């Protein structure tokens, strides 16, 4: 069985796509983002493709409005069928990235965490190391666990804050997978080096 992971976060703009791209590189995986909201600038899929050429799969929904998927769809005049969000059946490792945090609404009735619960694919929670991360991380872990979502572990992003990282892992009863340090220059090479320095690939086998 090829490894499959869902990447979610404790908030938006914390580095999920950067971590996802690093994991895609490390595993030789394919990347899929079910719903892309906002098409101006470089999308998450385009970023991952730049970091790992040939790795990305088309999104199920591409929404013009940069907002939560439920609202972006309404503004764009599109209806998202959350039941139709089915992970691609491919013979390769797969990394799926959600949007924002685990409780972001996909529709007015369904949250990303509900979709993750249906999929039953191990989830990696990306968490900042900055102030406030303990609360945000534990809330995310609790929300996922209450829905029966399997949690693979937590990937930290940012400067080292050992006490926060240890506290989240201990209280949340989750594995600390490692930490992706801030990169002065973000290229495919520096990203691969950063992942190798902060994580053990065996934890993702």
N, C-alpha and C. Protein backbone atom coordinates (compact mmCIF):
# COMPACT_ATOMS: atom_id res chain seq x y z
N UNK A 1 0.85 -1.20 0.00
CA UNK A 1 0.00 0.00 0.00
C UNK A 1 0.88 1.25 0.00
N UNK A 2 0.67 2.11 -0.98
CA UNK A 2 1.41 3.36 -1.05
C UNK A 2 0.91 4.30 0.05
N UNK A 3 1.82 5.02 0.71
CA UNK A 3 1.36 5.93 1.78
C UNK A 3 0.48 7.05 1.23
N UNK A 4 -0.55 7.39 2.00
CA UNK A 4 -1.43 8.50 1.67
C UNK A 4 -1.62 9.34 2.93
N UNK A 5 -1.54 10.65 2.78
CA UNK A 5 -1.70 11.55 3.91
C UNK A 5 -2.56 12.75 3.51
N UNK A 6 -3.33 13.23 4.48
CA UNK A 6 -4.02 14.51 4.36
C UNK A 6 -3.25 15.52 5.20
N UNK A 7 -3.01 16.68 4.64
CA UNK A 7 -2.33 17.76 5.36
C UNK A 7 -3.35 18.84 5.68
N UNK A 8 -3.52 19.10 6.97
CA UNK A 8 -4.39 20.20 7.40
C UNK A 8 -3.57 21.10 8.32
N UNK A 9 -4.21 22.13 8.83
CA UNK A 9 -3.47 23.07 9.67
C UNK A 9 -4.30 23.61 10.80
N UNK A 10 -3.64 24.37 11.64
CA UNK A 10 -4.31 25.01 12.76
C UNK A 10 -4.89 26.36 12.37
N UNK A 11 -4.56 26.83 11.17
CA UNK A 11 -5.01 28.14 10.70
C UNK A 11 -4.62 28.26 9.24
N UNK A 12 -4.93 29.39 8.64
CA UNK A 12 -4.53 29.64 7.27
C UNK A 12 -3.16 30.33 7.24
N UNK A 13 -2.48 30.20 6.13
CA UNK A 13 -1.17 30.85 5.92
C UNK A 13 -0.13 30.48 6.97
N UNK A 14 -0.09 29.21 7.34
CA UNK A 14 0.92 28.78 8.31
C UNK A 14 2.03 27.96 7.67
N UNK A 15 1.88 27.66 6.37
CA UNK A 15 2.92 26.91 5.69
C UNK A 15 2.52 25.50 5.29
N UNK A 16 1.21 25.21 5.24
CA UNK A 16 0.76 23.87 4.85
C UNK A 16 1.24 23.49 3.46
N UNK A 17 1.15 24.43 2.54
CA UNK A 17 1.54 24.12 1.16
C UNK A 17 3.05 23.90 1.06
N UNK A 18 3.80 24.63 1.83
CA UNK A 18 5.25 24.45 1.83
C UNK A 18 5.59 23.06 2.38
N UNK A 19 4.96 22.70 3.50
CA UNK A 19 5.20 21.36 4.05
C UNK A 19 4.71 20.30 3.08
N UNK A 20 3.53 20.50 2.49
CA UNK A 20 3.00 19.53 1.54
C UNK A 20 3.96 19.30 0.38
N UNK A 21 4.52 20.39 -0.15
CA UNK A 21 5.47 20.27 -1.25
C UNK A 21 6.71 19.50 -0.82
N UNK A 22 7.17 19.76 0.40
CA UNK A 22 8.35 19.05 0.91
C UNK A 22 8.06 17.56 1.05
N UNK A 23 6.86 17.23 1.53
CA UNK A 23 6.49 15.83 1.69
C UNK A 23 6.33 15.15 0.33
N UNK A 24 5.76 15.86 -0.62
CA UNK A 24 5.64 15.34 -1.97
C UNK A 24 7.02 15.02 -2.54
N UNK A 25 7.95 15.95 -2.38
CA UNK A 25 9.32 15.72 -2.84
C UNK A 25 9.91 14.47 -2.19
N UNK A 26 9.80 14.39 -0.86
CA UNK A 26 10.45 13.33 -0.10
C UNK A 26 9.89 11.95 -0.44
N UNK A 27 8.58 11.88 -0.68
CA UNK A 27 7.93 10.59 -0.93
C UNK A 27 7.86 10.24 -2.42
N UNK A 28 8.18 11.21 -3.28
CA UNK A 28 7.93 11.00 -4.70
C UNK A 28 6.45 10.85 -4.94
N UNK A 29 5.67 11.66 -4.23
CA UNK A 29 4.21 11.53 -4.21
C UNK A 29 3.54 12.41 -5.24
N UNK A 30 2.25 12.15 -5.45
CA UNK A 30 1.39 13.05 -6.20
C UNK A 30 0.67 13.95 -5.20
N UNK A 31 0.26 15.11 -5.67
CA UNK A 31 -0.38 16.12 -4.81
C UNK A 31 -1.76 16.44 -5.35
N UNK A 32 -2.73 16.54 -4.42
CA UNK A 32 -4.10 16.88 -4.81
C UNK A 32 -4.69 17.84 -3.80
N UNK A 33 -5.19 18.96 -4.29
CA UNK A 33 -5.95 19.90 -3.46
C UNK A 33 -7.39 19.85 -3.95
N UNK A 34 -8.32 19.34 -3.15
CA UNK A 34 -9.70 19.15 -3.63
C UNK A 34 -10.37 20.42 -4.11
N UNK A 35 -10.23 21.51 -3.33
CA UNK A 35 -10.90 22.77 -3.69
C UNK A 35 -9.89 23.91 -3.60
N UNK A 36 -9.74 24.64 -4.69
CA UNK A 36 -8.89 25.83 -4.71
C UNK A 36 -9.78 27.06 -4.74
N UNK A 37 -9.67 27.89 -3.72
CA UNK A 37 -10.44 29.14 -3.66
C UNK A 37 -9.49 30.31 -3.90
N UNK A 38 -9.72 31.06 -4.96
CA UNK A 38 -8.85 32.17 -5.31
C UNK A 38 -7.85 31.74 -6.37
N UNK A 39 -7.91 32.37 -7.53
CA UNK A 39 -7.05 31.96 -8.64
C UNK A 39 -6.03 33.02 -9.03
N UNK A 40 -6.06 34.17 -8.37
CA UNK A 40 -5.05 35.20 -8.68
C UNK A 40 -3.72 34.82 -8.04
N UNK A 41 -2.66 35.11 -8.73
CA UNK A 41 -1.34 34.77 -8.19
C UNK A 41 -1.08 33.28 -8.31
N UNK A 42 -0.10 32.79 -7.58
CA UNK A 42 0.28 31.38 -7.63
C UNK A 42 -0.60 30.57 -6.70
N UNK A 43 -1.36 29.64 -7.24
CA UNK A 43 -2.20 28.78 -6.40
C UNK A 43 -1.33 27.76 -5.68
N UNK A 44 -1.93 27.07 -4.71
CA UNK A 44 -1.19 26.05 -3.97
C UNK A 44 -0.70 24.95 -4.90
N UNK A 45 -1.58 24.53 -5.82
CA UNK A 45 -1.18 23.48 -6.76
C UNK A 45 -0.03 23.95 -7.65
N UNK A 46 -0.08 25.20 -8.10
CA UNK A 46 0.99 25.73 -8.94
C UNK A 46 2.30 25.81 -8.15
N UNK A 47 2.21 26.18 -6.88
CA UNK A 47 3.42 26.23 -6.05
C UNK A 47 4.04 24.85 -5.90
N UNK A 48 3.21 23.85 -5.58
CA UNK A 48 3.73 22.50 -5.42
C UNK A 48 4.32 22.00 -6.73
N UNK A 49 3.68 22.31 -7.83
CA UNK A 49 4.21 21.90 -9.14
C UNK A 49 5.57 22.53 -9.39
N UNK A 50 5.75 23.77 -8.95
CA UNK A 50 7.05 24.44 -9.12
C UNK A 50 8.12 23.78 -8.27
N UNK A 51 7.73 23.33 -7.07
CA UNK A 51 8.69 22.68 -6.18
C UNK A 51 8.94 21.23 -6.57
N UNK A 52 7.93 20.57 -7.14
CA UNK A 52 8.04 19.15 -7.51
C UNK A 52 7.36 18.94 -8.86
N UNK A 53 8.04 19.26 -9.95
CA UNK A 53 7.43 19.20 -11.28
C UNK A 53 6.86 17.82 -11.60
N UNK A 54 5.65 17.83 -12.18
CA UNK A 54 5.00 16.60 -12.58
C UNK A 54 4.25 15.88 -11.48
N UNK A 55 4.14 16.52 -10.31
CA UNK A 55 3.55 15.83 -9.16
C UNK A 55 2.07 16.11 -8.96
N UNK A 56 1.55 17.16 -9.55
CA UNK A 56 0.22 17.62 -9.16
C UNK A 56 -0.90 17.04 -10.02
N UNK A 57 -2.07 16.94 -9.37
CA UNK A 57 -3.30 16.49 -10.02
C UNK A 57 -4.29 17.65 -10.05
N UNK A 58 -5.21 17.68 -11.00
CA UNK A 58 -6.17 18.79 -11.09
C UNK A 58 -7.09 18.84 -9.87
N UNK A 59 -7.43 20.04 -9.44
CA UNK A 59 -8.38 20.21 -8.35
C UNK A 59 -9.77 19.78 -8.81
N UNK A 60 -10.59 19.36 -7.86
CA UNK A 60 -11.98 19.00 -8.19
C UNK A 60 -12.80 20.26 -8.46
N UNK A 61 -12.55 21.32 -7.70
CA UNK A 61 -13.22 22.60 -7.89
C UNK A 61 -12.18 23.71 -7.86
N UNK A 62 -12.27 24.62 -8.83
CA UNK A 62 -11.43 25.82 -8.87
C UNK A 62 -12.36 27.02 -8.80
N UNK A 63 -12.27 27.75 -7.70
CA UNK A 63 -13.17 28.87 -7.45
C UNK A 63 -12.41 30.18 -7.57
N UNK A 64 -13.04 31.16 -8.19
CA UNK A 64 -12.37 32.44 -8.46
C UNK A 64 -12.20 33.24 -7.18
N UNK A 65 -13.22 33.25 -6.34
CA UNK A 65 -13.23 34.12 -5.15
C UNK A 65 -12.29 33.60 -4.07
N UNK A 66 -11.40 34.45 -3.54
CA UNK A 66 -10.50 34.03 -2.47
C UNK A 66 -11.21 34.10 -1.12
N UNK A 67 -11.89 33.02 -0.77
CA UNK A 67 -12.65 32.95 0.48
C UNK A 67 -12.78 31.49 0.87
N UNK A 68 -13.39 31.25 2.03
CA UNK A 68 -13.68 29.88 2.42
C UNK A 68 -14.48 29.20 1.30
N UNK A 69 -14.22 27.92 1.02
CA UNK A 69 -14.87 27.26 -0.12
C UNK A 69 -16.39 27.42 -0.16
N UNK A 70 -17.05 27.33 1.00
CA UNK A 70 -18.51 27.42 1.00
C UNK A 70 -18.99 28.77 0.48
N UNK A 71 -18.29 29.84 0.88
CA UNK A 71 -18.67 31.18 0.46
C UNK A 71 -18.20 31.47 -0.95
N UNK A 72 -16.99 31.04 -1.27
CA UNK A 72 -16.47 31.25 -2.63
C UNK A 72 -17.37 30.60 -3.66
N UNK A 73 -17.85 29.40 -3.35
CA UNK A 73 -18.74 28.70 -4.28
C UNK A 73 -20.04 29.46 -4.48
N UNK A 74 -20.60 29.98 -3.39
CA UNK A 74 -21.84 30.73 -3.49
C UNK A 74 -21.65 31.99 -4.33
N UNK A 75 -20.56 32.70 -4.09
CA UNK A 75 -20.29 33.93 -4.85
C UNK A 75 -20.06 33.61 -6.33
N UNK A 76 -19.38 32.50 -6.59
CA UNK A 76 -19.09 32.12 -7.97
C UNK A 76 -20.27 31.46 -8.67
N UNK A 77 -21.35 31.17 -7.91
CA UNK A 77 -22.51 30.51 -8.51
C UNK A 77 -22.27 29.04 -8.79
N UNK A 78 -21.47 28.42 -7.92
CA UNK A 78 -21.12 27.00 -8.07
C UNK A 78 -21.61 26.24 -6.85
N UNK A 79 -22.02 25.01 -7.04
CA UNK A 79 -22.42 24.17 -5.91
C UNK A 79 -21.41 23.04 -5.75
N UNK A 80 -20.77 22.98 -4.58
CA UNK A 80 -19.82 21.91 -4.30
C UNK A 80 -20.57 20.72 -3.73
N UNK A 81 -20.33 19.56 -4.30
CA UNK A 81 -20.89 18.31 -3.78
C UNK A 81 -19.78 17.65 -2.95
N UNK A 82 -19.86 17.79 -1.63
CA UNK A 82 -18.80 17.26 -0.77
C UNK A 82 -18.68 15.75 -0.86
N UNK A 83 -19.79 15.07 -1.17
CA UNK A 83 -19.74 13.61 -1.30
C UNK A 83 -18.96 13.18 -2.54
N UNK A 84 -18.82 14.10 -3.49
CA UNK A 84 -18.09 13.79 -4.71
C UNK A 84 -16.59 14.00 -4.56
N UNK A 85 -16.18 14.50 -3.39
CA UNK A 85 -14.75 14.66 -3.12
C UNK A 85 -14.19 13.30 -2.73
N UNK A 86 -13.62 12.62 -3.68
CA UNK A 86 -13.08 11.29 -3.48
C UNK A 86 -11.60 11.30 -3.86
N UNK A 87 -10.71 10.88 -2.97
CA UNK A 87 -9.28 10.90 -3.28
C UNK A 87 -8.97 10.13 -4.56
N UNK A 88 -8.08 10.65 -5.39
CA UNK A 88 -7.73 9.96 -6.64
C UNK A 88 -7.18 8.56 -6.37
N UNK A 89 -7.58 7.62 -7.19
CA UNK A 89 -7.11 6.24 -7.08
C UNK A 89 -5.89 6.09 -7.98
N UNK A 90 -4.72 6.26 -7.39
CA UNK A 90 -3.49 6.23 -8.17
C UNK A 90 -2.51 5.26 -7.54
N UNK A 91 -1.61 4.74 -8.35
CA UNK A 91 -0.59 3.81 -7.88
C UNK A 91 0.68 4.57 -7.52
N UNK A 92 0.56 5.45 -6.54
CA UNK A 92 1.69 6.27 -6.09
C UNK A 92 1.33 6.85 -4.74
N UNK A 93 2.33 7.24 -3.95
CA UNK A 93 2.01 7.95 -2.72
C UNK A 93 1.20 9.21 -3.03
N UNK A 94 0.34 9.60 -2.10
CA UNK A 94 -0.56 10.73 -2.34
C UNK A 94 -0.56 11.67 -1.14
N UNK A 95 -0.44 12.95 -1.42
CA UNK A 95 -0.55 13.99 -0.40
C UNK A 95 -1.72 14.88 -0.77
N UNK A 96 -2.70 14.97 0.13
CA UNK A 96 -3.90 15.79 -0.10
C UNK A 96 -3.85 16.97 0.86
N UNK A 97 -4.03 18.17 0.33
CA UNK A 97 -4.00 19.36 1.18
C UNK A 97 -5.38 19.99 1.29
N UNK A 98 -5.83 20.21 2.51
CA UNK A 98 -7.09 20.90 2.72
C UNK A 98 -6.93 22.39 2.55
N UNK A 99 -7.88 23.16 3.06
CA UNK A 99 -7.83 24.62 2.97
C UNK A 99 -7.95 25.21 4.36
N UNK A 100 -7.05 26.12 4.71
CA UNK A 100 -7.11 26.74 6.03
C UNK A 100 -7.00 25.69 7.12
N UNK A 101 -7.87 25.77 8.11
CA UNK A 101 -7.86 24.82 9.21
C UNK A 101 -8.82 23.67 9.00
N UNK A 102 -8.83 22.75 9.96
CA UNK A 102 -9.64 21.54 9.84
C UNK A 102 -11.14 21.82 9.85
N UNK A 103 -11.56 22.92 10.45
CA UNK A 103 -12.99 23.21 10.54
C UNK A 103 -13.45 24.25 9.53
N UNK A 104 -12.69 24.45 8.47
CA UNK A 104 -13.13 25.32 7.39
C UNK A 104 -14.31 24.65 6.67
N UNK A 105 -15.39 25.38 6.40
CA UNK A 105 -16.54 24.79 5.72
C UNK A 105 -16.28 24.55 4.24
N UNK A 106 -16.56 23.34 3.80
CA UNK A 106 -16.55 23.03 2.37
C UNK A 106 -17.87 23.47 1.76
N UNK A 107 -18.96 23.20 2.48
CA UNK A 107 -20.29 23.67 2.12
C UNK A 107 -20.93 24.21 3.40
N UNK A 108 -22.17 24.64 3.31
CA UNK A 108 -22.87 25.13 4.50
C UNK A 108 -23.16 24.00 5.49
N UNK A 109 -23.07 22.77 5.03
CA UNK A 109 -23.38 21.63 5.90
C UNK A 109 -22.15 20.79 6.27
N UNK A 110 -21.05 20.94 5.56
CA UNK A 110 -19.92 20.02 5.72
C UNK A 110 -18.61 20.77 5.93
N UNK A 111 -17.87 20.35 6.95
CA UNK A 111 -16.55 20.90 7.23
C UNK A 111 -15.48 19.98 6.64
N UNK A 112 -14.28 20.50 6.47
CA UNK A 112 -13.19 19.65 5.99
C UNK A 112 -12.99 18.45 6.91
N UNK A 113 -13.10 18.66 8.21
CA UNK A 113 -12.91 17.55 9.15
C UNK A 113 -13.93 16.44 8.92
N UNK A 114 -15.14 16.80 8.49
CA UNK A 114 -16.15 15.79 8.18
C UNK A 114 -15.74 14.97 6.96
N UNK A 115 -15.17 15.64 5.97
CA UNK A 115 -14.68 14.95 4.78
C UNK A 115 -13.52 14.02 5.15
N UNK A 116 -12.61 14.53 6.00
CA UNK A 116 -11.48 13.70 6.43
C UNK A 116 -11.97 12.45 7.17
N UNK A 117 -13.02 12.61 7.95
CA UNK A 117 -13.57 11.47 8.69
C UNK A 117 -14.10 10.41 7.73
N UNK A 118 -14.71 10.85 6.66
CA UNK A 118 -15.22 9.90 5.66
C UNK A 118 -14.08 9.19 4.95
N UNK A 119 -13.03 9.92 4.66
CA UNK A 119 -11.89 9.33 3.95
C UNK A 119 -11.11 8.32 4.80
N UNK A 120 -10.96 8.62 6.08
CA UNK A 120 -10.16 7.77 6.97
C UNK A 120 -8.70 7.62 6.51
N UNK A 121 -8.17 8.69 5.96
CA UNK A 121 -6.75 8.76 5.59
C UNK A 121 -6.01 9.48 6.71
N UNK A 122 -4.85 8.98 7.14
CA UNK A 122 -4.12 9.64 8.24
C UNK A 122 -3.86 11.12 7.95
N UNK A 123 -4.14 11.94 8.96
CA UNK A 123 -4.01 13.39 8.82
C UNK A 123 -2.75 13.88 9.53
N UNK A 124 -2.02 14.75 8.86
CA UNK A 124 -0.88 15.44 9.45
C UNK A 124 -1.32 16.87 9.75
N UNK A 125 -1.20 17.27 11.00
CA UNK A 125 -1.58 18.62 11.41
C UNK A 125 -0.34 19.51 11.35
N UNK A 126 -0.38 20.54 10.53
CA UNK A 126 0.70 21.52 10.49
C UNK A 126 0.40 22.62 11.51
N UNK A 127 1.39 22.93 12.32
CA UNK A 127 1.20 23.92 13.39
C UNK A 127 2.36 24.89 13.42
N UNK A 128 2.05 26.15 13.60
CA UNK A 128 3.09 27.15 13.84
C UNK A 128 3.80 26.83 15.15
N UNK A 129 4.99 27.38 15.30
CA UNK A 129 5.65 27.31 16.61
C UNK A 129 5.48 28.62 17.36
N UNK A 130 4.82 29.60 16.77
CA UNK A 130 4.66 30.92 17.38
C UNK A 130 3.66 30.89 18.53
N UNK A 131 3.60 32.00 19.26
CA UNK A 131 2.71 32.13 20.41
C UNK A 131 1.27 31.84 20.00
N UNK A 132 0.57 31.04 20.82
CA UNK A 132 -0.81 30.68 20.55
C UNK A 132 -0.95 29.30 19.94
N UNK A 133 0.17 28.70 19.58
CA UNK A 133 0.09 27.41 18.87
C UNK A 133 -0.43 26.29 19.75
N UNK A 134 -0.19 26.33 21.06
CA UNK A 134 -0.66 25.24 21.93
C UNK A 134 -2.19 25.16 21.88
N UNK A 135 -2.83 26.30 22.07
CA UNK A 135 -4.29 26.34 22.04
C UNK A 135 -4.83 25.92 20.67
N UNK A 136 -4.31 26.51 19.62
CA UNK A 136 -4.81 26.22 18.28
C UNK A 136 -4.59 24.75 17.92
N UNK A 137 -3.43 24.22 18.29
CA UNK A 137 -3.11 22.84 17.94
C UNK A 137 -3.99 21.85 18.69
N UNK A 138 -4.16 22.08 19.99
CA UNK A 138 -4.97 21.15 20.78
C UNK A 138 -6.43 21.21 20.38
N UNK A 139 -6.92 22.39 20.02
CA UNK A 139 -8.30 22.49 19.53
C UNK A 139 -8.46 21.71 18.22
N UNK A 140 -7.49 21.82 17.34
CA UNK A 140 -7.54 21.10 16.06
C UNK A 140 -7.51 19.60 16.28
N UNK A 141 -6.61 19.16 17.14
CA UNK A 141 -6.50 17.73 17.45
C UNK A 141 -7.80 17.21 18.04
N UNK A 142 -8.38 17.97 18.95
CA UNK A 142 -9.63 17.55 19.59
C UNK A 142 -10.77 17.47 18.58
N UNK A 143 -10.83 18.46 17.67
CA UNK A 143 -11.89 18.47 16.67
C UNK A 143 -11.77 17.27 15.73
N UNK A 144 -10.56 16.93 15.35
CA UNK A 144 -10.36 15.78 14.46
C UNK A 144 -10.69 14.48 15.19
N UNK A 145 -10.16 14.35 16.39
CA UNK A 145 -10.34 13.10 17.14
C UNK A 145 -11.81 12.86 17.46
N UNK A 146 -12.57 13.92 17.74
CA UNK A 146 -13.98 13.75 18.09
C UNK A 146 -14.79 13.21 16.91
N UNK A 147 -14.25 13.37 15.70
CA UNK A 147 -14.92 12.86 14.51
C UNK A 147 -14.35 11.52 14.06
N UNK A 148 -13.41 10.98 14.81
CA UNK A 148 -12.82 9.71 14.45
C UNK A 148 -11.81 9.78 13.33
N UNK A 149 -11.21 10.98 13.13
CA UNK A 149 -10.21 11.15 12.08
C UNK A 149 -8.87 10.61 12.58
N UNK A 150 -8.22 9.71 11.85
CA UNK A 150 -6.91 9.22 12.28
C UNK A 150 -5.85 10.31 12.14
N UNK A 151 -5.11 10.55 13.21
CA UNK A 151 -4.08 11.60 13.21
C UNK A 151 -2.71 10.95 13.16
N UNK A 152 -1.97 11.24 12.10
CA UNK A 152 -0.64 10.67 11.94
C UNK A 152 0.38 11.36 12.85
N UNK A 153 0.21 12.66 13.04
CA UNK A 153 1.12 13.40 13.90
C UNK A 153 1.08 14.87 13.58
N UNK A 154 1.96 15.63 14.24
CA UNK A 154 2.03 17.08 14.06
C UNK A 154 3.37 17.45 13.44
N UNK A 155 3.31 18.28 12.40
CA UNK A 155 4.51 18.83 11.78
C UNK A 155 4.57 20.31 12.13
N UNK A 156 5.62 20.70 12.82
CA UNK A 156 5.76 22.09 13.23
C UNK A 156 6.49 22.88 12.14
N UNK A 157 6.14 24.16 12.07
CA UNK A 157 6.72 25.04 11.05
C UNK A 157 7.15 26.34 11.72
N UNK A 158 8.42 26.68 11.58
CA UNK A 158 8.92 27.91 12.17
C UNK A 158 10.16 27.69 13.01
N UNK A 159 10.46 28.68 13.85
CA UNK A 159 11.62 28.58 14.72
C UNK A 159 11.38 27.56 15.82
N UNK A 160 12.44 27.00 16.34
CA UNK A 160 12.32 25.98 17.39
C UNK A 160 11.76 26.59 18.68
N UNK A 161 10.70 25.96 19.20
CA UNK A 161 10.14 26.31 20.51
C UNK A 161 9.88 24.98 21.20
N UNK A 162 10.92 24.36 21.77
CA UNK A 162 10.82 22.99 22.27
C UNK A 162 9.69 22.75 23.26
N UNK A 163 9.46 23.71 24.17
CA UNK A 163 8.42 23.46 25.17
C UNK A 163 7.04 23.37 24.54
N UNK A 164 6.73 24.28 23.62
CA UNK A 164 5.42 24.24 22.95
C UNK A 164 5.25 22.95 22.16
N UNK A 165 6.29 22.55 21.46
CA UNK A 165 6.22 21.34 20.66
C UNK A 165 6.01 20.12 21.55
N UNK A 166 6.74 20.04 22.65
CA UNK A 166 6.60 18.91 23.57
C UNK A 166 5.22 18.92 24.23
N UNK A 167 4.75 20.10 24.61
CA UNK A 167 3.46 20.21 25.29
C UNK A 167 2.32 19.75 24.40
N UNK A 168 2.34 20.17 23.15
CA UNK A 168 1.29 19.78 22.21
C UNK A 168 1.28 18.27 22.01
N UNK A 169 2.46 17.70 21.82
CA UNK A 169 2.55 16.25 21.61
C UNK A 169 2.10 15.47 22.84
N UNK A 170 2.49 15.95 24.03
CA UNK A 170 2.17 15.23 25.26
C UNK A 170 0.69 15.34 25.61
N UNK A 171 0.16 16.55 25.64
CA UNK A 171 -1.24 16.74 26.02
C UNK A 171 -2.17 16.21 24.91
N UNK A 172 -1.80 16.44 23.68
CA UNK A 172 -2.63 15.98 22.57
C UNK A 172 -2.49 14.50 22.28
N UNK A 173 -1.49 13.87 22.93
CA UNK A 173 -1.24 12.43 22.71
C UNK A 173 -1.06 12.13 21.22
N UNK A 174 -0.19 12.92 20.59
CA UNK A 174 0.12 12.76 19.18
C UNK A 174 1.63 12.72 18.99
N UNK A 175 2.03 12.21 17.85
CA UNK A 175 3.46 12.13 17.55
C UNK A 175 3.97 13.46 17.01
N UNK A 176 5.09 13.90 17.53
CA UNK A 176 5.79 15.06 16.95
C UNK A 176 6.61 14.53 15.79
N UNK A 177 6.22 14.87 14.57
CA UNK A 177 6.89 14.34 13.40
C UNK A 177 8.20 15.06 13.12
N UNK A 178 8.27 16.33 13.49
CA UNK A 178 9.47 17.11 13.24
C UNK A 178 9.12 18.57 13.02
N UNK A 179 10.10 19.32 12.54
CA UNK A 179 9.88 20.76 12.36
C UNK A 179 10.59 21.22 11.09
N UNK A 180 9.85 21.98 10.30
CA UNK A 180 10.41 22.61 9.11
C UNK A 180 10.82 24.02 9.48
N UNK A 181 12.11 24.28 9.50
CA UNK A 181 12.61 25.59 9.88
C UNK A 181 12.32 26.62 8.79
N UNK A 182 12.36 27.89 9.19
CA UNK A 182 12.18 28.96 8.21
C UNK A 182 13.34 28.93 7.20
N UNK A 183 13.00 29.11 5.94
CA UNK A 183 14.00 29.06 4.88
C UNK A 183 14.23 30.47 4.34
N UNK A 184 15.48 30.89 4.32
CA UNK A 184 15.80 32.23 3.84
C UNK A 184 15.43 32.39 2.37
N UNK A 185 15.67 31.34 1.60
CA UNK A 185 15.29 31.32 0.19
C UNK A 185 14.54 30.02 -0.07
N UNK A 186 13.37 30.13 -0.67
CA UNK A 186 12.53 28.95 -0.88
C UNK A 186 12.70 28.46 -2.32
N UNK A 187 13.46 27.40 -2.47
CA UNK A 187 13.64 26.76 -3.76
C UNK A 187 13.40 25.26 -3.57
N UNK A 188 13.31 24.54 -4.66
CA UNK A 188 13.13 23.09 -4.55
C UNK A 188 14.27 22.47 -3.75
N UNK A 189 15.46 22.97 -3.94
CA UNK A 189 16.63 22.41 -3.27
C UNK A 189 16.64 22.73 -1.78
N UNK A 190 16.38 24.00 -1.42
CA UNK A 190 16.39 24.36 0.00
C UNK A 190 15.24 23.70 0.74
N UNK A 191 14.13 23.51 0.05
CA UNK A 191 12.98 22.86 0.68
C UNK A 191 13.31 21.39 0.98
N UNK A 192 13.91 20.72 0.03
CA UNK A 192 14.28 19.32 0.24
C UNK A 192 15.29 19.20 1.38
N UNK A 193 16.24 20.11 1.42
CA UNK A 193 17.25 20.09 2.50
C UNK A 193 16.59 20.36 3.85
N UNK A 194 15.65 21.30 3.88
CA UNK A 194 14.96 21.64 5.12
C UNK A 194 14.16 20.47 5.65
N UNK A 195 13.48 19.76 4.77
CA UNK A 195 12.70 18.59 5.20
C UNK A 195 13.63 17.50 5.73
N UNK A 196 14.72 17.25 5.01
CA UNK A 196 15.66 16.21 5.43
C UNK A 196 16.29 16.53 6.79
N UNK A 197 16.49 17.82 7.06
CA UNK A 197 17.09 18.22 8.33
C UNK A 197 16.10 18.14 9.49
N UNK A 198 14.81 18.27 9.20
CA UNK A 198 13.84 18.36 10.28
C UNK A 198 12.98 17.14 10.50
N UNK A 199 13.00 16.19 9.57
CA UNK A 199 12.10 15.04 9.65
C UNK A 199 12.84 13.74 9.34
N UNK A 200 12.28 12.64 9.82
CA UNK A 200 12.77 11.31 9.51
C UNK A 200 11.81 10.68 8.52
N UNK A 201 12.29 10.41 7.33
CA UNK A 201 11.42 9.89 6.28
C UNK A 201 10.74 8.60 6.67
N UNK A 202 11.36 7.84 7.57
CA UNK A 202 10.77 6.57 8.02
C UNK A 202 9.43 6.79 8.73
N UNK A 203 9.20 7.98 9.27
CA UNK A 203 7.93 8.28 9.95
C UNK A 203 6.77 8.42 8.97
N UNK A 204 7.07 8.43 7.68
CA UNK A 204 6.03 8.62 6.67
C UNK A 204 5.91 7.40 5.75
N UNK A 205 6.52 6.32 6.15
CA UNK A 205 6.49 5.11 5.32
C UNK A 205 5.13 4.45 5.39
